[in-house]
Amino acid sequence: MLHNNDSVRNKLIEITNQGLMLKSIALNVGVDVNDLSRFKGGMDCLEQSDVEILSEYLNEVHIPQWKTVTKEKPMTMRERLLASKNKQNKEKPKRRRSNVSLDLLNELES
C-alpha cells in the first residue's frame, strides 16, 4: 500500500507539535533521526518502506490532551490596588441597620 508522503509528513508534524519528540519516534520506527528530521522538513529522504512503517506508527500514537493552561498577564499596579480593596470589602462584616420607625405619631401612641 502506497502512502502519500505529504499526509504522513503532516501527521508527523502534528504529533511532534503535541509534544512527542522526533528522536523517540525515530527510535520506535527504526529510522535515523537525521533522515526523519529532513523528511519532516520537506525532503523526501525516506524509503517507501520506512514511510509505510512511520505511517502505521503515527496512526497508533495517542497523546492525551491536558487541560490547556493560559498564562495570566501580570497585574498592573491599579489592578492590584482594586483587587486589594475588593478583598478588604469582602472580608469586613456588613453592619445591619436596626429598623427605626420615623413615624413619630405611631411611636407616641404606643
PDB file of N, CA and C in Angstrom:
ATOM      1  N   MET A   1       0.838  -1.184   0.000  1.00  0.00           N
ATOM      2  CA  MET A   1       0.000   0.000   0.000  1.00  0.00           C
ATOM      3  C   MET A   1       0.884   1.249   0.000  1.00  0.00           C
ATOM      4  N   LEU A   2       0.690   2.116  -0.962  1.00  0.00           N
ATOM      5  CA  LEU A   2       1.480   3.331  -1.048  1.00  0.00           C
ATOM      6  C   LEU A   2       0.887   4.405  -0.140  1.00  0.00           C
ATOM      7  N   HIS A   3       1.755   5.060   0.582  1.00  0.00           N
ATOM      8  CA  HIS A   3       1.327   6.136   1.475  1.00  0.00           C
ATOM      9  C   HIS A   3       1.779   7.460   0.890  1.00  0.00           C
ATOM     10  N   ASN A   4       0.921   8.442   0.968  1.00  0.00           N
ATOM     11  CA  ASN A   4       1.239   9.771   0.485  1.00  0.00           C
ATOM     12  C   ASN A   4       2.233  10.419   1.454  1.00  0.00           C
ATOM     13  N   ASN A   5       3.388  10.805   0.931  1.00  0.00           N
ATOM     14  CA  ASN A   5       4.420  11.389   1.789  1.00  0.00           C
ATOM     15  C   ASN A   5       3.933  12.654   2.482  1.00  0.00           C
ATOM     16  N   ASP A   6       3.147  13.466   1.780  1.00  0.00           N
ATOM     17  CA  ASP A   6       2.678  14.713   2.378  1.00  0.00           C
ATOM     18  C   ASP A   6       1.738  14.469   3.553  1.00  0.00           C
ATOM     19  N   SER A   7       0.853  13.477   3.431  1.00  0.00           N
ATOM     20  CA  SER A   7      -0.064  13.202   4.542  1.00  0.00           C
ATOM     21  C   SER A   7       0.692  12.622   5.737  1.00  0.00           C
ATOM     22  N   VAL A   8       1.688  11.775   5.478  1.00  0.00           N
ATOM     23  CA  VAL A   8       2.495  11.227   6.576  1.00  0.00           C
ATOM     24  C   VAL A   8       3.314  12.343   7.212  1.00  0.00           C
ATOM     25  N   ARG A   9       3.842  13.234   6.404  1.00  0.00           N
ATOM     26  CA  ARG A   9       4.627  14.368   6.908  1.00  0.00           C
ATOM     27  C   ARG A   9       3.753  15.272   7.783  1.00  0.00           C
ATOM     28  N   ASN A  10       2.545  15.555   7.315  1.00  0.00           N
ATOM     29  CA  ASN A  10       1.632  16.395   8.105  1.00  0.00           C
ATOM     30  C   ASN A  10       1.270  15.741   9.426  1.00  0.00           C
ATOM     31  N   LYS A  11       1.061  14.429   9.408  1.00  0.00           N
ATOM     32  CA  LYS A  11       0.755  13.703  10.645  1.00  0.00           C
ATOM     33  C   LYS A  11       1.959  13.743  11.593  1.00  0.00           C
ATOM     34  N   LEU A  12       3.162  13.608  11.026  1.00  0.00           N
ATOM     35  CA  LEU A  12       4.386  13.680  11.831  1.00  0.00           C
ATOM     36  C   LEU A  12       4.521  15.059  12.473  1.00  0.00           C
ATOM     37  N   ILE A  13       4.251  16.100  11.729  1.00  0.00           N
ATOM     38  CA  ILE A  13       4.331  17.467  12.266  1.00  0.00           C
ATOM     39  C   ILE A  13       3.292  17.663  13.359  1.00  0.00           C
ATOM     40  N   GLU A  14       2.094  17.149  13.132  1.00  0.00           N
ATOM     41  CA  GLU A  14       1.024  17.270  14.129  1.00  0.00           C
ATOM     42  C   GLU A  14       1.404  16.575  15.432  1.00  0.00           C
ATOM     43  N   ILE A  15       1.934  15.363  15.322  1.00  0.00           N
ATOM     44  CA  ILE A  15       2.313  14.591  16.515  1.00  0.00           C
ATOM     45  C   ILE A  15       3.458  15.266  17.264  1.00  0.00           C
ATOM     46  N   THR A  16       4.448  15.766  16.532  1.00  0.00           N
ATOM     47  CA  THR A  16       5.571  16.428  17.218  1.00  0.00           C
ATOM     48  C   THR A  16       5.132  17.750  17.839  1.00  0.00           C
ATOM     49  N   ASN A  17       4.164  18.428  17.233  1.00  0.00           N
ATOM     50  CA  ASN A  17       3.644  19.664  17.838  1.00  0.00           C
ATOM     51  C   ASN A  17       2.898  19.380  19.127  1.00  0.00           C
ATOM     52  N   GLN A  18       2.370  18.177  19.284  1.00  0.00           N
ATOM     53  CA  GLN A  18       1.671  17.809  20.510  1.00  0.00           C
ATOM     54  C   GLN A  18       2.630  17.387  21.609  1.00  0.00           C
ATOM     55  N   GLY A  19       3.925  17.257  21.270  1.00  0.00           N
ATOM     56  CA  GLY A  19       4.905  17.018  22.326  1.00  0.00           C
ATOM     57  C   GLY A  19       5.748  15.767  22.200  1.00  0.00           C
ATOM     58  N   LEU A  20       5.447  14.879  21.263  1.00  0.00           N
ATOM     59  CA  LEU A  20       6.261  13.676  21.119  1.00  0.00           C
ATOM     60  C   LEU A  20       7.560  14.041  20.420  1.00  0.00           C
ATOM     61  N   MET A  21       8.671  13.630  20.988  1.00  0.00           N
ATOM     62  CA  MET A  21       9.982  14.004  20.463  1.00  0.00           C
ATOM     63  C   MET A  21      10.296  13.228  19.194  1.00  0.00           C
ATOM     64  N   LEU A  22      10.908  13.905  18.244  1.00  0.00           N
ATOM     65  CA  LEU A  22      11.289  13.298  16.967  1.00  0.00           C
ATOM     66  C   LEU A  22      12.258  12.144  17.182  1.00  0.00           C
ATOM     67  N   LYS A  23      13.121  12.284  18.163  1.00  0.00           N
ATOM     68  CA  LYS A  23      14.110  11.239  18.457  1.00  0.00           C
ATOM     69  C   LYS A  23      13.426   9.950  18.910  1.00  0.00           C
ATOM     70  N   SER A  24      12.397  10.066  19.739  1.00  0.00           N
ATOM     71  CA  SER A  24      11.709   8.862  20.210  1.00  0.00           C
ATOM     72  C   SER A  24      10.928   8.206  19.072  1.00  0.00           C
ATOM     73  N   ILE A  25      10.380   9.021  18.171  1.00  0.00           N
ATOM     74  CA  ILE A  25       9.698   8.449  17.004  1.00  0.00           C
ATOM     75  C   ILE A  25      10.696   7.689  16.153  1.00  0.00           C
ATOM     76  N   ALA A  26      11.866   8.288  15.923  1.00  0.00           N
ATOM     77  CA  ALA A  26      12.897   7.646  15.112  1.00  0.00           C
ATOM     78  C   ALA A  26      13.347   6.333  15.736  1.00  0.00           C
ATOM     79  N   LEU A  27      13.493   6.313  17.065  1.00  0.00           N
ATOM     80  CA  LEU A  27      13.904   5.082  17.742  1.00  0.00           C
ATOM     81  C   LEU A  27      12.836   3.994  17.620  1.00  0.00           C
ATOM     82  N   ASN A  28      11.574   4.368  17.774  1.00  0.00           N
ATOM     83  CA  ASN A  28      10.497   3.380  17.704  1.00  0.00           C
ATOM     84  C   ASN A  28      10.270   2.862  16.287  1.00  0.00           C
ATOM     85  N   VAL A  29      10.494   3.692  15.300  1.00  0.00           N
ATOM     86  CA  VAL A  29      10.269   3.285  13.907  1.00  0.00           C
ATOM     87  C   VAL A  29      11.496   2.589  13.342  1.00  0.00           C
ATOM     88  N   GLY A  30      12.672   2.901  13.877  1.00  0.00           N
ATOM     89  CA  GLY A  30      13.905   2.305  13.378  1.00  0.00           C
ATOM     90  C   GLY A  30      14.488   3.086  12.214  1.00  0.00           C
ATOM     91  N   VAL A  31      14.318   4.396  12.254  1.00  0.00           N
ATOM     92  CA  VAL A  31      14.816   5.279  11.201  1.00  0.00           C
ATOM     93  C   VAL A  31      15.825   6.229  11.821  1.00  0.00           C
ATOM     94  N   ASP A  32      16.809   6.644  11.032  1.00  0.00           N
ATOM     95  CA  ASP A  32      17.785   7.607  11.517  1.00  0.00           C
ATOM     96  C   ASP A  32      17.079   8.924  11.818  1.00  0.00           C
ATOM     97  N   VAL A  33      17.400   9.511  12.960  1.00  0.00           N
ATOM     98  CA  VAL A  33      16.733  10.728  13.392  1.00  0.00           C
ATOM     99  C   VAL A  33      17.005  11.884  12.432  1.00  0.00           C
ATOM    100  N   ASN A  34      18.194  11.917  11.829  1.00  0.00           N
ATOM    101  CA  ASN A  34      18.514  12.978  10.874  1.00  0.00           C
ATOM    102  C   ASN A  34      17.671  12.849   9.608  1.00  0.00           C
ATOM    103  N   ASP A  35      17.492  11.602   9.131  1.00  0.00           N
ATOM    104  CA  ASP A  35      16.650  11.383   7.955  1.00  0.00           C
ATOM    105  C   ASP A  35      15.198  11.753   8.258  1.00  0.00           C
ATOM    106  N   LEU A  36      14.745  11.410   9.461  1.00  0.00           N
ATOM    107  CA  LEU A  36      13.376  11.739   9.844  1.00  0.00           C
ATOM    108  C   LEU A  36      13.186  13.254   9.942  1.00  0.00           C
ATOM    109  N   SER A  37      14.203  13.948  10.444  1.00  0.00           N
ATOM    110  CA  SER A  37      14.139  15.401  10.537  1.00  0.00           C
ATOM    111  C   SER A  37      14.084  16.028   9.149  1.00  0.00           C
ATOM    112  N   ARG A  38      14.877  15.500   8.237  1.00  0.00           N
ATOM    113  CA  ARG A  38      14.845  16.009   6.866  1.00  0.00           C
ATOM    114  C   ARG A  38      13.488  15.745   6.224  1.00  0.00           C
ATOM    115  N   PHE A  39      12.945  14.549   6.478  1.00  0.00           N
ATOM    116  CA  PHE A  39      11.627  14.211   5.939  1.00  0.00           C
ATOM    117  C   PHE A  39      10.571  15.176   6.477  1.00  0.00           C
ATOM    118  N   LYS A  40      10.644  15.453   7.761  1.00  0.00           N
ATOM    119  CA  LYS A  40       9.697  16.386   8.379  1.00  0.00           C
ATOM    120  C   LYS A  40       9.833  17.779   7.775  1.00  0.00           C
ATOM    121  N   GLY A  41      11.053  18.156   7.429  1.00  0.00           N
ATOM    122  CA  GLY A  41      11.306  19.468   6.856  1.00  0.00           C
ATOM    123  C   GLY A  41      10.934  19.600   5.395  1.00  0.00           C
ATOM    124  N   GLY A  42      10.521  18.503   4.757  1.00  0.00           N
ATOM    125  CA  GLY A  42      10.061  18.608   3.370  1.00  0.00           C
ATOM    126  C   GLY A  42      10.876  17.836   2.363  1.00  0.00           C
ATOM    127  N   MET A  43      11.971  17.261   2.780  1.00  0.00           N
ATOM    128  CA  MET A  43      12.793  16.489   1.841  1.00  0.00           C
ATOM    129  C   MET A  43      12.301  15.043   1.820  1.00  0.00           C
ATOM    130  N   ASP A  44      12.307  14.437   0.638  1.00  0.00           N
ATOM    131  CA  ASP A  44      11.906  13.027   0.512  1.00  0.00           C
ATOM    132  C   ASP A  44      13.144  12.149   0.608  1.00  0.00           C
ATOM    133  N   CYS A  45      13.586  11.920   1.852  1.00  0.00           N
ATOM    134  CA  CYS A  45      14.811  11.148   2.054  1.00  0.00           C
ATOM    135  C   CYS A  45      14.544   9.800   2.709  1.00  0.00           C
ATOM    136  N   LEU A  46      13.275   9.443   2.884  1.00  0.00           N
ATOM    137  CA  LEU A  46      12.935   8.138   3.445  1.00  0.00           C
ATOM    138  C   LEU A  46      12.493   7.194   2.336  1.00  0.00           C
ATOM    139  N   GLU A  47      12.852   5.938   2.494  1.00  0.00           N
ATOM    140  CA  GLU A  47      12.387   4.930   1.545  1.00  0.00           C
ATOM    141  C   GLU A  47      10.900   4.693   1.760  1.00  0.00           C
ATOM    142  N   GLN A  48      10.240   4.174   0.736  1.00  0.00           N
ATOM    143  CA  GLN A  48       8.792   3.962   0.824  1.00  0.00           C
ATOM    144  C   GLN A  48       8.447   2.995   1.953  1.00  0.00           C
ATOM    145  N   SER A  49       9.284   1.991   2.186  1.00  0.00           N
ATOM    146  CA  SER A  49       9.007   1.042   3.280  1.00  0.00           C
ATOM    147  C   SER A  49       9.081   1.748   4.638  1.00  0.00           C
ATOM    148  N   ASP A  50      10.025   2.682   4.782  1.00  0.00           N
ATOM    149  CA  ASP A  50      10.129   3.444   6.029  1.00  0.00           C
ATOM    150  C   ASP A  50       8.936   4.378   6.213  1.00  0.00           C
ATOM    151  N   VAL A  51       8.453   4.946   5.095  1.00  0.00           N
ATOM    152  CA  VAL A  51       7.282   5.819   5.157  1.00  0.00           C
ATOM    153  C   VAL A  51       6.063   5.024   5.593  1.00  0.00           C
ATOM    154  N   GLU A  52       5.946   3.779   5.112  1.00  0.00           N
ATOM    155  CA  GLU A  52       4.816   2.924   5.496  1.00  0.00           C
ATOM    156  C   GLU A  52       4.869   2.590   6.980  1.00  0.00           C
ATOM    157  N   ILE A  53       6.051   2.242   7.464  1.00  0.00           N
ATOM    158  CA  ILE A  53       6.208   1.919   8.887  1.00  0.00           C
ATOM    159  C   ILE A  53       5.911   3.151   9.733  1.00  0.00           C
ATOM    160  N   LEU A  54       6.421   4.302   9.306  1.00  0.00           N
ATOM    161  CA  LEU A  54       6.180   5.552  10.018  1.00  0.00           C
ATOM    162  C   LEU A  54       4.691   5.875  10.048  1.00  0.00           C
ATOM    163  N   SER A  55       4.020   5.665   8.931  1.00  0.00           N
ATOM    164  CA  SER A  55       2.586   5.946   8.865  1.00  0.00           C
ATOM    165  C   SER A  55       1.810   5.046   9.819  1.00  0.00           C
ATOM    166  N   GLU A  56       2.141   3.772   9.855  1.00  0.00           N
ATOM    167  CA  GLU A  56       1.467   2.846  10.773  1.00  0.00           C
ATOM    168  C   GLU A  56       1.719   3.244  12.217  1.00  0.00           C
ATOM    169  N   TYR A  57       2.961   3.631  12.525  1.00  0.00           N
ATOM    170  CA  TYR A  57       3.295   4.035  13.891  1.00  0.00           C
ATOM    171  C   TYR A  57       2.519   5.283  14.287  1.00  0.00           C
ATOM    172  N   LEU A  58       2.493   6.278  13.403  1.00  0.00           N
ATOM    173  CA  LEU A  58       1.818   7.540  13.730  1.00  0.00           C
ATOM    174  C   LEU A  58       0.316   7.350  13.880  1.00  0.00           C
ATOM    175  N   ASN A  59      -0.259   6.387  13.172  1.00  0.00           N
ATOM    176  CA  ASN A  59      -1.689   6.116  13.318  1.00  0.00           C
ATOM    177  C   ASN A  59      -2.012   5.467  14.661  1.00  0.00           C
ATOM    178  N   GLU A  60      -1.027   4.818  15.263  1.00  0.00           N
ATOM    179  CA  GLU A  60      -1.226   4.152  16.553  1.00  0.00           C
ATOM    180  C   GLU A  60      -0.919   5.063  17.744  1.00  0.00           C
ATOM    181  N   VAL A  61      -0.210   6.136  17.502  1.00  0.00           N
ATOM    182  CA  VAL A  61       0.196   7.027  18.594  1.00  0.00           C
ATOM    183  C   VAL A  61      -1.022   7.806  19.088  1.00  0.00           C
ATOM    184  N   HIS A  62      -1.167   7.822  20.405  1.00  0.00           N
ATOM    185  CA  HIS A  62      -2.226   8.617  21.033  1.00  0.00           C
ATOM    186  C   HIS A  62      -1.597   9.439  22.148  1.00  0.00           C
ATOM    187  N   ILE A  63      -1.705  10.747  22.019  1.00  0.00           N
ATOM    188  CA  ILE A  63      -1.164  11.644  23.036  1.00  0.00           C
ATOM    189  C   ILE A  63      -2.336  12.273  23.765  1.00  0.00           C
ATOM    190  N   PRO A  64      -2.486  12.004  25.058  1.00  0.00           N
ATOM    191  CA  PRO A  64      -3.609  12.598  25.794  1.00  0.00           C
ATOM    192  C   PRO A  64      -3.437  14.109  25.889  1.00  0.00           C
ATOM    193  N   GLN A  65      -4.539  14.803  25.746  1.00  0.00           N
ATOM    194  CA  GLN A  65      -4.514  16.261  25.811  1.00  0.00           C
ATOM    195  C   GLN A  65      -4.943  16.702  27.200  1.00  0.00           C
ATOM    196  N   TRP A  66      -4.098  17.470  27.829  1.00  0.00           N
ATOM    197  CA  TRP A  66      -4.389  18.003  29.140  1.00  0.00           C
ATOM    198  C   TRP A  66      -5.152  19.292  28.985  1.00  0.00           C
ATOM    199  N   LYS A  67      -5.712  19.690  30.070  1.00  0.00           N
ATOM    200  CA  LYS A  67      -6.423  20.967  30.096  1.00  0.00           C
ATOM    201  C   LYS A  67      -5.430  22.072  29.742  1.00  0.00           C
ATOM    202  N   THR A  68      -5.822  22.917  28.840  1.00  0.00           N
ATOM    203  CA  THR A  68      -4.914  23.989  28.430  1.00  0.00           C
ATOM    204  C   THR A  68      -4.787  25.015  29.540  1.00  0.00           C
ATOM    205  N   VAL A  69      -3.590  25.445  29.743  1.00  0.00           N
ATOM    206  CA  VAL A  69      -3.300  26.412  30.787  1.00  0.00           C
ATOM    207  C   VAL A  69      -2.987  27.740  30.112  1.00  0.00           C
ATOM    208  N   THR A  70      -3.695  28.743  30.497  1.00  0.00           N
ATOM    209  CA  THR A  70      -3.429  30.064  29.951  1.00  0.00           C
ATOM    210  C   THR A  70      -2.556  30.827  30.920  1.00  0.00           C
ATOM    211  N   LYS A  71      -1.583  31.465  30.378  1.00  0.00           N
ATOM    212  CA  LYS A  71      -0.672  32.237  31.206  1.00  0.00           C
ATOM    213  C   LYS A  71      -1.323  33.576  31.510  1.00  0.00           C
ATOM    214  N   GLU A  72      -1.386  33.891  32.764  1.00  0.00           N
ATOM    215  CA  GLU A  72      -2.007  35.142  33.170  1.00  0.00           C
ATOM    216  C   GLU A  72      -1.031  36.291  32.981  1.00  0.00           C
ATOM    217  N   LYS A  73      -1.567  37.408  32.521  1.00  0.00           N
ATOM    218  CA  LYS A  73      -0.741  38.590  32.392  1.00  0.00           C
ATOM    219  C   LYS A  73      -0.480  39.138  33.782  1.00  0.00           C
ATOM    220  N   PRO A  74       0.701  39.718  33.983  1.00  0.00           N
ATOM    221  CA  PRO A  74       0.949  40.329  35.293  1.00  0.00           C
ATOM    222  C   PRO A  74      -0.009  41.496  35.506  1.00  0.00           C
ATOM    223  N   MET A  75      -0.445  41.635  36.744  1.00  0.00           N
ATOM    224  CA  MET A  75      -1.396  42.696  37.072  1.00  0.00           C
ATOM    225  C   MET A  75      -0.679  44.042  37.121  1.00  0.00           C
ATOM    226  N   THR A  76      -1.389  45.052  36.676  1.00  0.00           N
ATOM    227  CA  THR A  76      -0.850  46.403  36.802  1.00  0.00           C
ATOM    228  C   THR A  76      -1.029  46.860  38.241  1.00  0.00           C
ATOM    229  N   MET A  77      -0.373  47.948  38.570  1.00  0.00           N
ATOM    230  CA  MET A  77      -0.475  48.478  39.929  1.00  0.00           C
ATOM    231  C   MET A  77      -1.922  48.844  40.251  1.00  0.00           C
ATOM    232  N   ARG A  78      -2.629  49.416  39.293  1.00  0.00           N
ATOM    233  CA  ARG A  78      -4.028  49.797  39.511  1.00  0.00           C
ATOM    234  C   ARG A  78      -4.891  48.562  39.772  1.00  0.00           C
ATOM    235  N   GLU A  79      -4.677  47.508  38.990  1.00  0.00           N
ATOM    236  CA  GLU A  79      -5.461  46.280  39.180  1.00  0.00           C
ATOM    237  C   GLU A  79      -5.177  45.654  40.536  1.00  0.00           C
ATOM    238  N   ARG A  80      -3.923  45.702  40.986  1.00  0.00           N
ATOM    239  CA  ARG A  80      -3.589  45.157  42.302  1.00  0.00           C
ATOM    240  C   ARG A  80      -4.274  45.944  43.414  1.00  0.00           C
ATOM    241  N   LEU A  81      -4.301  47.285  43.287  1.00  0.00           N
ATOM    242  CA  LEU A  81      -4.965  48.109  44.302  1.00  0.00           C
ATOM    243  C   LEU A  81      -6.467  47.821  44.351  1.00  0.00           C
ATOM    244  N   LEU A  82      -7.096  47.712  43.166  1.00  0.00           N
ATOM    245  CA  LEU A  82      -8.525  47.410  43.126  1.00  0.00           C
ATOM    246  C   LEU A  82      -8.818  46.036  43.711  1.00  0.00           C
ATOM    247  N   ALA A  83      -7.976  45.060  43.393  1.00  0.00           N
ATOM    248  CA  ALA A  83      -8.173  43.711  43.934  1.00  0.00           C
ATOM    249  C   ALA A  83      -8.018  43.711  45.442  1.00  0.00           C
ATOM    250  N   SER A  84      -7.065  44.475  45.942  1.00  0.00           N
ATOM    251  CA  SER A  84      -6.849  44.562  47.384  1.00  0.00           C
ATOM    252  C   SER A  84      -8.055  45.197  48.075  1.00  0.00           C
ATOM    253  N   LYS A  85      -8.583  46.275  47.488  1.00  0.00           N
ATOM    254  CA  LYS A  85      -9.755  46.932  48.078  1.00  0.00           C
ATOM    255  C   LYS A  85     -10.968  46.017  48.046  1.00  0.00           C
ATOM    256  N   ASN A  86     -11.156  45.303  46.939  1.00  0.00           N
ATOM    257  CA  ASN A  86     -12.287  44.381  46.844  1.00  0.00           C
ATOM    258  C   ASN A  86     -12.176  43.274  47.876  1.00  0.00           C
ATOM    259  N   LYS A  87     -10.966  42.795  48.101  1.00  0.00           N
ATOM    260  CA  LYS A  87     -10.760  41.738  49.085  1.00  0.00           C
ATOM    261  C   LYS A  87     -11.075  42.251  50.488  1.00  0.00           C
ATOM    262  N   GLN A  88     -10.642  43.471  50.786  1.00  0.00           N
ATOM    263  CA  GLN A  88     -10.915  44.047  52.100  1.00  0.00           C
ATOM    264  C   GLN A  88     -12.407  44.258  52.305  1.00  0.00           C
ATOM    265  N   ASN A  89     -13.101  44.687  51.275  1.00  0.00           N
ATOM    266  CA  ASN A  89     -14.546  44.917  51.389  1.00  0.00           C
ATOM    267  C   ASN A  89     -15.292  43.609  51.614  1.00  0.00           C
ATOM    268  N   LYS A  90     -14.831  42.531  51.035  1.00  0.00           N
ATOM    269  CA  LYS A  90     -15.495  41.234  51.210  1.00  0.00           C
ATOM    270  C   LYS A  90     -15.265  40.683  52.605  1.00  0.00           C
ATOM    271  N   GLU A  91     -14.098  40.996  53.179  1.00  0.00           N
ATOM    272  CA  GLU A  91     -13.761  40.438  54.481  1.00  0.00           C
ATOM    273  C   GLU A  91     -14.474  41.152  55.635  1.00  0.00           C
ATOM    274  N   LYS A  92     -14.816  42.403  55.456  1.00  0.00           N
ATOM    275  CA  LYS A  92     -15.462  43.155  56.533  1.00  0.00           C
ATOM    276  C   LYS A  92     -16.889  42.658  56.722  1.00  0.00           C
ATOM    277  N   PRO A  93     -17.299  42.451  57.984  1.00  0.00           N
ATOM    278  CA  PRO A  93     -18.693  42.065  58.210  1.00  0.00           C
ATOM    279  C   PRO A  93     -19.596  43.260  57.937  1.00  0.00           C
ATOM    280  N   LYS A  94     -20.693  42.986  57.311  1.00  0.00           N
ATOM    281  CA  LYS A  94     -21.618  44.069  56.990  1.00  0.00           C
ATOM    282  C   LYS A  94     -22.459  44.375  58.229  1.00  0.00           C
ATOM    283  N   ARG A  95     -22.611  45.654  58.498  1.00  0.00           N
ATOM    284  CA  ARG A  95     -23.393  46.082  59.649  1.00  0.00           C
ATOM    285  C   ARG A  95     -24.858  46.108  59.258  1.00  0.00           C
ATOM    286  N   ARG A  96     -25.658  45.569  60.140  1.00  0.00           N
ATOM    287  CA  ARG A  96     -27.095  45.591  59.893  1.00  0.00           C
ATOM    288  C   ARG A  96     -27.685  46.798  60.600  1.00  0.00           C
ATOM    289  N   ARG A  97     -28.494  47.477  59.901  1.00  0.00           N
ATOM    290  CA  ARG A  97     -29.173  48.631  60.500  1.00  0.00           C
ATOM    291  C   ARG A  97     -30.420  48.143  61.224  1.00  0.00           C
ATOM    292  N   SER A  98     -30.623  48.722  62.365  1.00  0.00           N
ATOM    293  CA  SER A  98     -31.845  48.365  63.089  1.00  0.00           C
ATOM    294  C   SER A  98     -33.013  49.099  62.441  1.00  0.00           C
ATOM    295  N   ASN A  99     -34.142  48.466  62.493  1.00  0.00           N
ATOM    296  CA  ASN A  99     -35.334  49.074  61.902  1.00  0.00           C
ATOM    297  C   ASN A  99     -35.818  50.204  62.803  1.00  0.00           C
ATOM    298  N   VAL A 100     -35.697  51.383  62.332  1.00  0.00           N
ATOM    299  CA  VAL A 100     -36.123  52.551  63.089  1.00  0.00           C
ATOM    300  C   VAL A 100     -37.308  53.161  62.371  1.00  0.00           C
ATOM    301  N   SER A 101     -38.357  53.358  63.130  1.00  0.00           N
ATOM    302  CA  SER A 101     -39.541  53.961  62.551  1.00  0.00           C
ATOM    303  C   SER A 101     -39.431  55.465  62.660  1.00  0.00           C
ATOM    304  N   LEU A 102     -39.649  56.109  61.567  1.00  0.00           N
ATOM    305  CA  LEU A 102     -39.598  57.562  61.577  1.00  0.00           C
ATOM    306  C   LEU A 102     -40.994  58.180  61.724  1.00  0.00           C
ATOM    307  N   ASP A 103     -41.933  57.320  61.900  1.00  0.00           N
ATOM    308  CA  ASP A 103     -43.308  57.808  62.079  1.00  0.00           C
ATOM    309  C   ASP A 103     -43.500  58.129  63.562  1.00  0.00           C
ATOM    310  N   LEU A 104     -43.359  59.383  63.942  1.00  0.00           N
ATOM    311  CA  LEU A 104     -43.405  59.797  65.337  1.00  0.00           C
ATOM    312  C   LEU A 104     -44.797  59.649  65.951  1.00  0.00           C
ATOM    313  N   LEU A 105     -45.820  59.848  65.164  1.00  0.00           N
ATOM    314  CA  LEU A 105     -47.174  59.722  65.710  1.00  0.00           C
ATOM    315  C   LEU A 105     -47.457  58.304  66.171  1.00  0.00           C
ATOM    316  N   ASN A 106     -47.031  57.328  65.372  1.00  0.00           N
ATOM    317  CA  ASN A 106     -47.205  55.932  65.769  1.00  0.00           C
ATOM    318  C   ASN A 106     -46.374  55.594  66.990  1.00  0.00           C
ATOM    319  N   GLU A 107     -45.239  56.183  67.096  1.00  0.00           N
ATOM    320  CA  GLU A 107     -44.372  55.926  68.231  1.00  0.00           C
ATOM    321  C   GLU A 107     -44.990  56.492  69.530  1.00  0.00           C
ATOM    322  N   LEU A 108     -45.612  57.655  69.432  1.00  0.00           N
ATOM    323  CA  LEU A 108     -46.180  58.264  70.614  1.00  0.00           C
ATOM    324  C   LEU A 108     -47.424  57.538  71.066  1.00  0.00           C
ATOM    325  N   GLU A 109     -48.182  56.985  70.162  1.00  0.00           N
ATOM    326  CA  GLU A 109     -49.406  56.283  70.515  1.00  0.00           C
ATOM    327  C   GLU A 109     -49.154  54.975  71.221  1.00  0.00           C
ATOM    328  N   SER A 110     -48.029  54.352  70.942  1.00  0.00           N
ATOM    329  CA  SER A 110     -47.799  53.065  71.562  1.00  0.00           C
ATOM    330  C   SER A 110     -47.097  53.132  72.871  1.00  0.00           C
TER     331      SER A 110
END
